[in-house]
Amino acid sequence: MDDAAARPLDLWSATPRERVRAAADLAPEQRAAALRRVLFNGSWPFGMPTSINPLVVVVGASPGNRPAAVPSDIAPDKPYDPPTFGKPHPGFFYPDGSHYWDKTRILCIHLTRAFDRSLSEEEALAVSGHLNLGTALFGSARVEATDQDITRWVGQLLTTALHPRVIVTVGLGGLLSANPELRAALAQGGLDIPWERPEQSESLSGYRYSFKMWRLSHAPVTVITWPNHPSRHPFSGGAPFAVWRAAVEQARRLIA
């Protein structure tokens, strides 16, 4: 047996397929211990689908308030699955009327493929995640939609538990710039970023909105703020999501 086959799989590898296999191979007691380390007050909040070791994590303000466009087993008043191991979280497939989750899947799949272009959609989503800074069901990203304790917890998850390589914030650019308390809560959790001073900025092709980027000095992590919320101009509307897909491709080049 060669050395590569003999060494233990790395749950936090930069290689997506290794993350998938490492998570899938965890024994039941290891999975239980991993979940205990990440739960918020003993449970997992609604609207935050993720694997236990996502390579790419999207961070928003809240779960939103758009109901499912068709009957769904996923709802705020029903139990919500905790992080998954080696497979996509079912919350990624919530059929919301604004197509938020359609766009989020596209984003996660293509940014994860920046690490390995041969990944299947299932493999890519098995190392993807989405977190929020609050659990209130708000229809827009505003400070009332966030929660200080949850924001600190999210900062901790991102820096000490989930270990993503790419963090994408959606609808949070203005919110973080204008609210020092929110920035402080993330920093207390470990995600201390000068949100008002991006290291790199690039205009969304053809529009006045911009991507902003930071690379963490203490970990191999790229943080990128999305030009605008997925449900806002110029990304609003349904399939085929042409502007959204073009933005995703632009972001993939930025993080490569």
Foldseek 3Di string as FASTA:
>chain_A
DDPVVPDQQDCADLALVSVLVNQVPDDPVRVVVLQVVQADVPAHAAQKWAAQAAQEEEEEAENAAFAAPDDDPGDRVHGADGHHGNWAGCSLVRRGPFCQSVLVLLLQQLLSCLSPVPDDSGSSRNRYIYYHQAHDHHHARAPVSHDLVSLLSVLQCCPPGRNHQEYEYARCLVVCVVDVSSQVSSVNSPPRDPSVDFPDWDALPPDPFIKGWDADPVGNHIYIYQRHHCCDPPNTDDPPSVSSNSSSVVVSVVSD
